[in-house]
Amino acid sequence: MQVHKKSDSAAAAEAADAPSEASLRLDVAMSTRLLNSLKILEYSGHVSARLPGGVTFLIQPQEKSRAEVSPDDLLVCDLDGKVVSGPTDIKPPSEVFLHCEIYRARVDVNSIAHFHHDVTNVFTLVEDVPLLPFKNHAIRWKSGIPVHPDPAHVDDAERGRGIVATLGPHHAMQIRAHGQIVTAETVRGVFIDSLHLVENAEAAYRAAAIGKLKPLTEGEIESFSHGFRRGHHIRKLWNYYARGAIRDGIFPEAWNA
């Protein structure tokens, strides 16, 4: 896959608008706890965020419970998967390499979520029933949700490059009999997209029980896309889920300031 680099002027403009490391730490910790509370992330999986400069990223430690991740727990890793900042003797997740290689290849991606949602992954276990856009917000994946054929853990750079080859230019993918990868331009975007990927799969799974599946047509996708405001949608849903999490004691209100 060809790696696209940004011009110096574009990179400078983005750097000026880039969120701080402190705010990214908060968003990763909140997203991790939210996805865990919604039974999407649970005991395994991880959310990462590219740091300003583009060559390092935040990710949680391997052994830390997804229900308890805090901003200060997060490690800073480089694109080779090496910890460059964080508590000593703490390792990143074994599948850190899928994050490394996606960030290396996709300059448009600033956040990645990897999780193992069973109902969503069912679509990799059957023939002739691909996971397509069925619900309106699944237009995010109108270009496709490819399936990686190797169910192994992505525990080295070579396997990470295989993931990149399967993902291509798309915004989500599945690993057969394993799990999902979602990419987005922001951490909050990757959280919302993870929700919608699961919602789309669950709706399709239920619909298949009562009749022939009927994915969105190109015309329906175009119609919904015309009036859809992604930034507004992410802000609205983030506020809803974050406020509910604060009410339920999943994380402190100060994190969402």
Protein backbone atom coordinates (compact mmCIF):
# COMPACT_ATOMS: atom_id res chain seq x y z
CA MET A 1 0.00 0.00 0.00
CA GLN A 2 1.34 3.42 -0.92
CA VAL A 3 2.04 5.73 2.00
CA HIS A 4 0.82 9.27 1.41
CA LYS A 5 2.76 12.11 3.03
CA LYS A 6 1.42 15.55 3.78
CA SER A 7 2.97 18.74 2.50
CA ASP A 8 4.96 20.86 4.95
CA SER A 9 2.25 23.55 4.96
CA ALA A 10 -0.52 21.03 5.60
CA ALA A 11 1.48 19.41 8.39
CA ALA A 12 2.12 22.80 10.00
CA ALA A 13 -1.56 23.72 9.87
CA GLU A 14 -2.56 20.42 11.45
CA ALA A 15 0.08 20.78 14.17
CA ALA A 16 -1.40 24.14 15.14
CA ASP A 17 -4.84 22.57 15.55
CA ALA A 18 -3.68 19.30 17.13
CA PRO A 19 -5.10 18.39 20.53
CA SER A 20 -2.68 18.34 23.45
CA GLU A 21 -1.27 15.12 24.87
CA ALA A 22 -3.18 15.78 28.09
CA SER A 23 -6.53 16.01 26.27
CA LEU A 24 -5.74 12.90 24.22
CA ARG A 25 -4.93 10.98 27.40
CA LEU A 26 -8.32 11.90 28.80
CA ASP A 27 -10.16 10.93 25.62
CA VAL A 28 -8.41 7.56 25.35
CA ALA A 29 -9.08 6.73 29.00
CA MET A 30 -12.73 7.79 28.74
CA SER A 31 -13.30 5.94 25.46
CA THR A 32 -11.73 2.79 26.86
CA ARG A 33 -13.94 2.83 29.94
CA LEU A 34 -17.02 3.69 27.88
CA LEU A 35 -16.47 0.86 25.40
CA ASN A 36 -15.89 -1.50 28.30
CA SER A 37 -19.10 -0.41 30.04
CA LEU A 38 -21.02 -0.97 26.78
CA LYS A 39 -19.67 -4.57 26.53
CA ILE A 40 -17.73 -3.81 23.35
CA LEU A 41 -14.15 -3.73 24.61
CA GLU A 42 -14.46 -5.78 27.82
CA TYR A 43 -11.41 -7.71 29.00
CA SER A 44 -9.38 -7.44 25.80
CA GLY A 45 -8.76 -4.78 23.18
CA HIS A 46 -7.38 -1.26 23.14
CA VAL A 47 -7.88 2.33 21.99
CA SER A 48 -4.92 4.40 20.81
CA ALA A 49 -4.32 8.00 19.77
CA ARG A 50 -1.62 9.45 17.55
CA LEU A 51 0.33 12.17 19.32
CA PRO A 52 1.30 15.52 17.77
CA GLY A 53 4.27 15.00 15.48
CA GLY A 54 2.78 11.83 14.06
CA VAL A 55 5.45 9.30 15.04
CA THR A 56 4.32 8.29 18.53
CA PHE A 57 0.99 7.29 20.02
CA LEU A 58 -0.78 6.63 23.32
CA ILE A 59 -1.97 3.16 24.26
CA GLN A 60 -2.86 1.38 27.47
CA PRO A 61 -0.56 -1.10 29.24
CA GLN A 62 -0.98 -4.79 28.51
CA GLU A 63 -2.11 -5.85 31.98
CA LYS A 64 -4.30 -2.89 32.95
CA SER A 65 -8.03 -3.59 33.29
CA ARG A 66 -10.05 -1.81 30.62
CA ALA A 67 -12.49 -0.81 33.35
CA GLU A 68 -9.79 1.05 35.28
CA VAL A 69 -7.56 2.72 32.69
CA SER A 70 -6.65 6.28 33.68
CA PRO A 71 -4.91 9.03 31.69
CA ASP A 72 -1.68 8.57 33.66
CA ASP A 73 -1.57 4.83 32.92
CA LEU A 74 -1.12 5.31 29.19
CA LEU A 75 2.17 4.51 27.51
CA VAL A 76 3.79 6.46 24.68
CA CYS A 77 5.02 4.10 21.95
CA ASP A 78 6.88 4.73 18.72
CA LEU A 79 5.97 3.22 15.35
CA ASP A 80 8.18 0.21 16.06
CA GLY A 81 6.13 -0.64 19.15
CA LYS A 82 8.80 0.45 21.63
CA VAL A 83 7.77 2.25 24.82
CA VAL A 84 9.37 5.69 24.85
CA SER A 85 7.53 7.09 27.87
CA GLY A 86 5.58 5.55 30.71
CA PRO A 87 5.93 3.51 33.87
CA THR A 88 9.07 1.34 33.86
CA ASP A 89 8.81 -2.41 33.23
CA ILE A 90 5.29 -2.03 31.79
CA LYS A 91 4.57 -3.52 28.37
CA PRO A 92 2.11 -2.36 25.71
CA PRO A 93 -0.52 -4.81 24.40
CA SER A 94 0.89 -7.69 22.35
CA GLU A 95 -1.06 -6.42 19.33
CA VAL A 96 0.53 -2.98 19.49
CA PHE A 97 1.86 -3.65 15.99
CA LEU A 98 -1.52 -3.24 14.31
CA HIS A 99 -1.56 0.32 15.68
CA CYS A 100 2.07 0.94 14.64
CA GLU A 101 1.62 -0.15 11.06
CA ILE A 102 -1.74 1.54 10.49
CA TYR A 103 -0.35 4.85 11.79
CA ARG A 104 2.73 4.40 9.64
CA ALA A 105 0.68 3.83 6.48
CA ARG A 106 -2.41 6.01 7.01
CA VAL A 107 -1.71 9.67 7.72
CA ASP A 108 -5.47 10.31 7.84
CA VAL A 109 -5.87 8.07 10.91
CA ASN A 110 -5.38 9.63 14.35
CA SER A 111 -7.13 7.03 16.49
CA ILE A 112 -7.61 3.27 16.36
CA ALA A 113 -9.82 0.89 18.34
CA HIS A 114 -9.36 -2.88 18.34
CA PHE A 115 -11.91 -5.10 20.06
CA HIS A 116 -13.50 -8.54 19.86
CA HIS A 117 -17.27 -8.22 19.55
CA ASP A 118 -18.80 -11.66 19.00
CA VAL A 119 -21.99 -10.75 17.12
CA THR A 120 -20.05 -8.51 14.74
CA ASN A 121 -17.47 -11.22 14.13
CA VAL A 122 -20.18 -13.78 13.30
CA PHE A 123 -20.21 -12.26 9.80
CA THR A 124 -16.69 -13.63 9.25
CA LEU A 125 -17.84 -17.17 10.13
CA VAL A 126 -20.45 -17.69 7.40
CA GLU A 127 -20.37 -17.73 3.62
CA ASP A 128 -22.15 -15.24 1.37
CA VAL A 129 -23.37 -12.97 4.21
CA PRO A 130 -20.89 -10.07 4.38
CA LEU A 131 -21.23 -7.26 6.88
CA LEU A 132 -22.54 -4.36 4.78
CA PRO A 133 -24.10 -0.99 5.68
CA PHE A 134 -27.61 -1.76 6.94
CA LYS A 135 -28.29 1.12 9.34
CA ASN A 136 -28.02 4.76 8.30
CA HIS A 137 -24.87 5.62 10.27
CA ALA A 138 -23.10 2.68 8.66
CA ILE A 139 -22.56 4.93 5.63
CA ARG A 140 -19.16 5.43 7.23
CA TRP A 141 -18.30 2.05 5.67
CA LYS A 142 -19.86 2.51 2.26
CA SER A 143 -16.48 1.66 0.72
CA GLY A 144 -16.52 -1.71 2.46
CA ILE A 145 -15.54 -3.60 5.61
CA PRO A 146 -12.83 -6.01 4.47
CA VAL A 147 -12.07 -9.26 6.29
CA HIS A 148 -8.50 -10.26 7.08
CA PRO A 149 -8.14 -14.03 6.51
CA ASP A 150 -5.59 -14.77 9.25
CA PRO A 151 -7.16 -15.03 12.75
CA ALA A 152 -3.78 -14.92 14.52
CA HIS A 153 -2.87 -12.22 17.00
CA VAL A 154 -1.15 -9.29 15.34
CA ASP A 155 1.94 -9.66 17.49
CA ASP A 156 4.70 -8.55 15.13
CA ALA A 157 5.36 -5.93 12.46
CA GLU A 158 4.92 -8.35 9.56
CA ARG A 159 1.42 -9.25 10.69
CA GLY A 160 0.75 -5.56 11.24
CA ARG A 161 1.65 -4.88 7.61
CA GLY A 162 -0.74 -7.66 6.60
CA ILE A 163 -3.50 -5.85 8.48
CA VAL A 164 -2.66 -2.62 6.63
CA ALA A 165 -2.86 -4.41 3.28
CA THR A 166 -6.33 -5.73 4.12
CA LEU A 167 -7.58 -2.44 5.56
CA GLY A 168 -6.49 -0.48 2.49
CA PRO A 169 -8.24 2.91 2.36
CA HIS A 170 -11.24 1.77 4.43
CA HIS A 171 -12.27 2.93 7.92
CA ALA A 172 -12.96 -0.46 9.52
CA MET A 173 -12.17 -4.11 9.03
CA GLN A 174 -12.70 -7.49 10.60
CA ILE A 175 -10.17 -10.19 11.42
CA ARG A 176 -11.73 -13.55 10.73
CA ALA A 177 -12.69 -15.45 13.90
CA HIS A 178 -10.92 -12.78 15.93
CA GLY A 179 -12.21 -9.21 16.10
CA GLN A 180 -12.57 -5.73 14.67
CA ILE A 181 -10.42 -2.67 13.92
CA VAL A 182 -11.95 0.80 13.60
CA THR A 183 -10.03 3.90 12.51
CA ALA A 184 -10.98 7.57 12.66
CA GLU A 185 -9.69 11.11 12.63
CA THR A 186 -10.20 11.61 16.39
CA VAL A 187 -10.50 9.49 19.52
CA ARG A 188 -14.11 10.53 20.03
CA GLY A 189 -14.77 9.70 16.39
CA VAL A 190 -13.34 6.21 16.81
CA PHE A 191 -15.53 5.70 19.89
CA ILE A 192 -18.71 6.70 18.04
CA ASP A 193 -17.74 4.66 14.97
CA SER A 194 -17.13 1.60 17.16
CA LEU A 195 -20.64 1.96 18.56
CA HIS A 196 -22.16 2.23 15.10
CA LEU A 197 -20.18 -0.72 13.72
CA VAL A 198 -21.58 -2.92 16.49
CA GLU A 199 -25.10 -1.49 16.16
CA ASN A 200 -25.04 -2.18 12.43
CA ALA A 201 -23.92 -5.79 12.93
CA GLU A 202 -26.46 -6.47 15.67
CA ALA A 203 -29.29 -5.05 13.56
CA ALA A 204 -28.25 -7.21 10.59
CA TYR A 205 -27.97 -10.29 12.81
CA ARG A 206 -31.52 -9.79 14.09
CA ALA A 207 -32.90 -8.98 10.64
CA ALA A 208 -31.40 -12.19 9.23
CA ALA A 209 -33.54 -14.17 11.67
CA ILE A 210 -36.78 -12.93 10.11
CA GLY A 211 -36.00 -12.52 6.42
CA LYS A 212 -33.57 -11.78 3.63
CA LEU A 213 -31.08 -9.06 4.50
CA LYS A 214 -31.55 -5.78 2.66
CA PRO A 215 -28.49 -3.50 2.86
CA LEU A 216 -28.64 0.20 2.11
CA THR A 217 -28.68 1.03 -1.58
CA GLU A 218 -26.29 3.53 -3.15
CA GLY A 219 -29.20 5.95 -3.47
CA GLU A 220 -30.12 5.60 0.21
CA ILE A 221 -26.50 6.10 1.24
CA GLU A 222 -26.25 9.22 -0.90
CA SER A 223 -29.52 10.59 0.47
CA PHE A 224 -28.47 10.17 4.10
CA SER A 225 -24.94 11.45 3.41
CA HIS A 226 -26.30 14.67 1.95
CA GLY A 227 -27.55 16.04 5.26
CA PHE A 228 -25.24 14.22 7.67
CA ARG A 229 -22.95 16.39 9.81
CA ARG A 230 -20.28 14.13 11.25
CA GLY A 231 -18.77 16.65 13.65
CA HIS A 232 -22.15 17.53 15.14
CA HIS A 233 -23.09 13.87 15.41
CA ILE A 234 -19.87 12.96 17.25
CA ARG A 235 -20.31 15.84 19.71
CA LYS A 236 -23.95 14.95 20.37
CA LEU A 237 -23.31 11.27 21.04
CA TRP A 238 -20.14 11.90 23.03
CA ASN A 239 -22.04 14.24 25.33
CA TYR A 240 -24.81 11.68 25.79
CA TYR A 241 -22.52 8.76 26.63
CA ALA A 242 -20.03 10.79 28.67
CA ARG A 243 -22.75 12.36 30.82
CA GLY A 244 -24.29 8.95 31.41
CA ALA A 245 -20.90 7.52 32.38
CA ILE A 246 -20.31 10.35 34.85
CA ARG A 247 -23.73 9.73 36.38
CA ASP A 248 -22.93 6.02 36.71
CA GLY A 249 -19.49 6.62 38.21
CA ILE A 250 -17.53 5.14 35.29
CA PHE A 251 -15.15 8.11 35.33
CA PRO A 252 -15.04 11.47 37.15
CA GLU A 253 -16.71 14.54 35.74
CA ALA A 254 -13.40 16.41 35.79
CA TRP A 255 -12.12 14.16 32.99
CA ASN A 256 -14.77 15.47 30.61
CA ALA A 257 -14.17 19.16 31.27
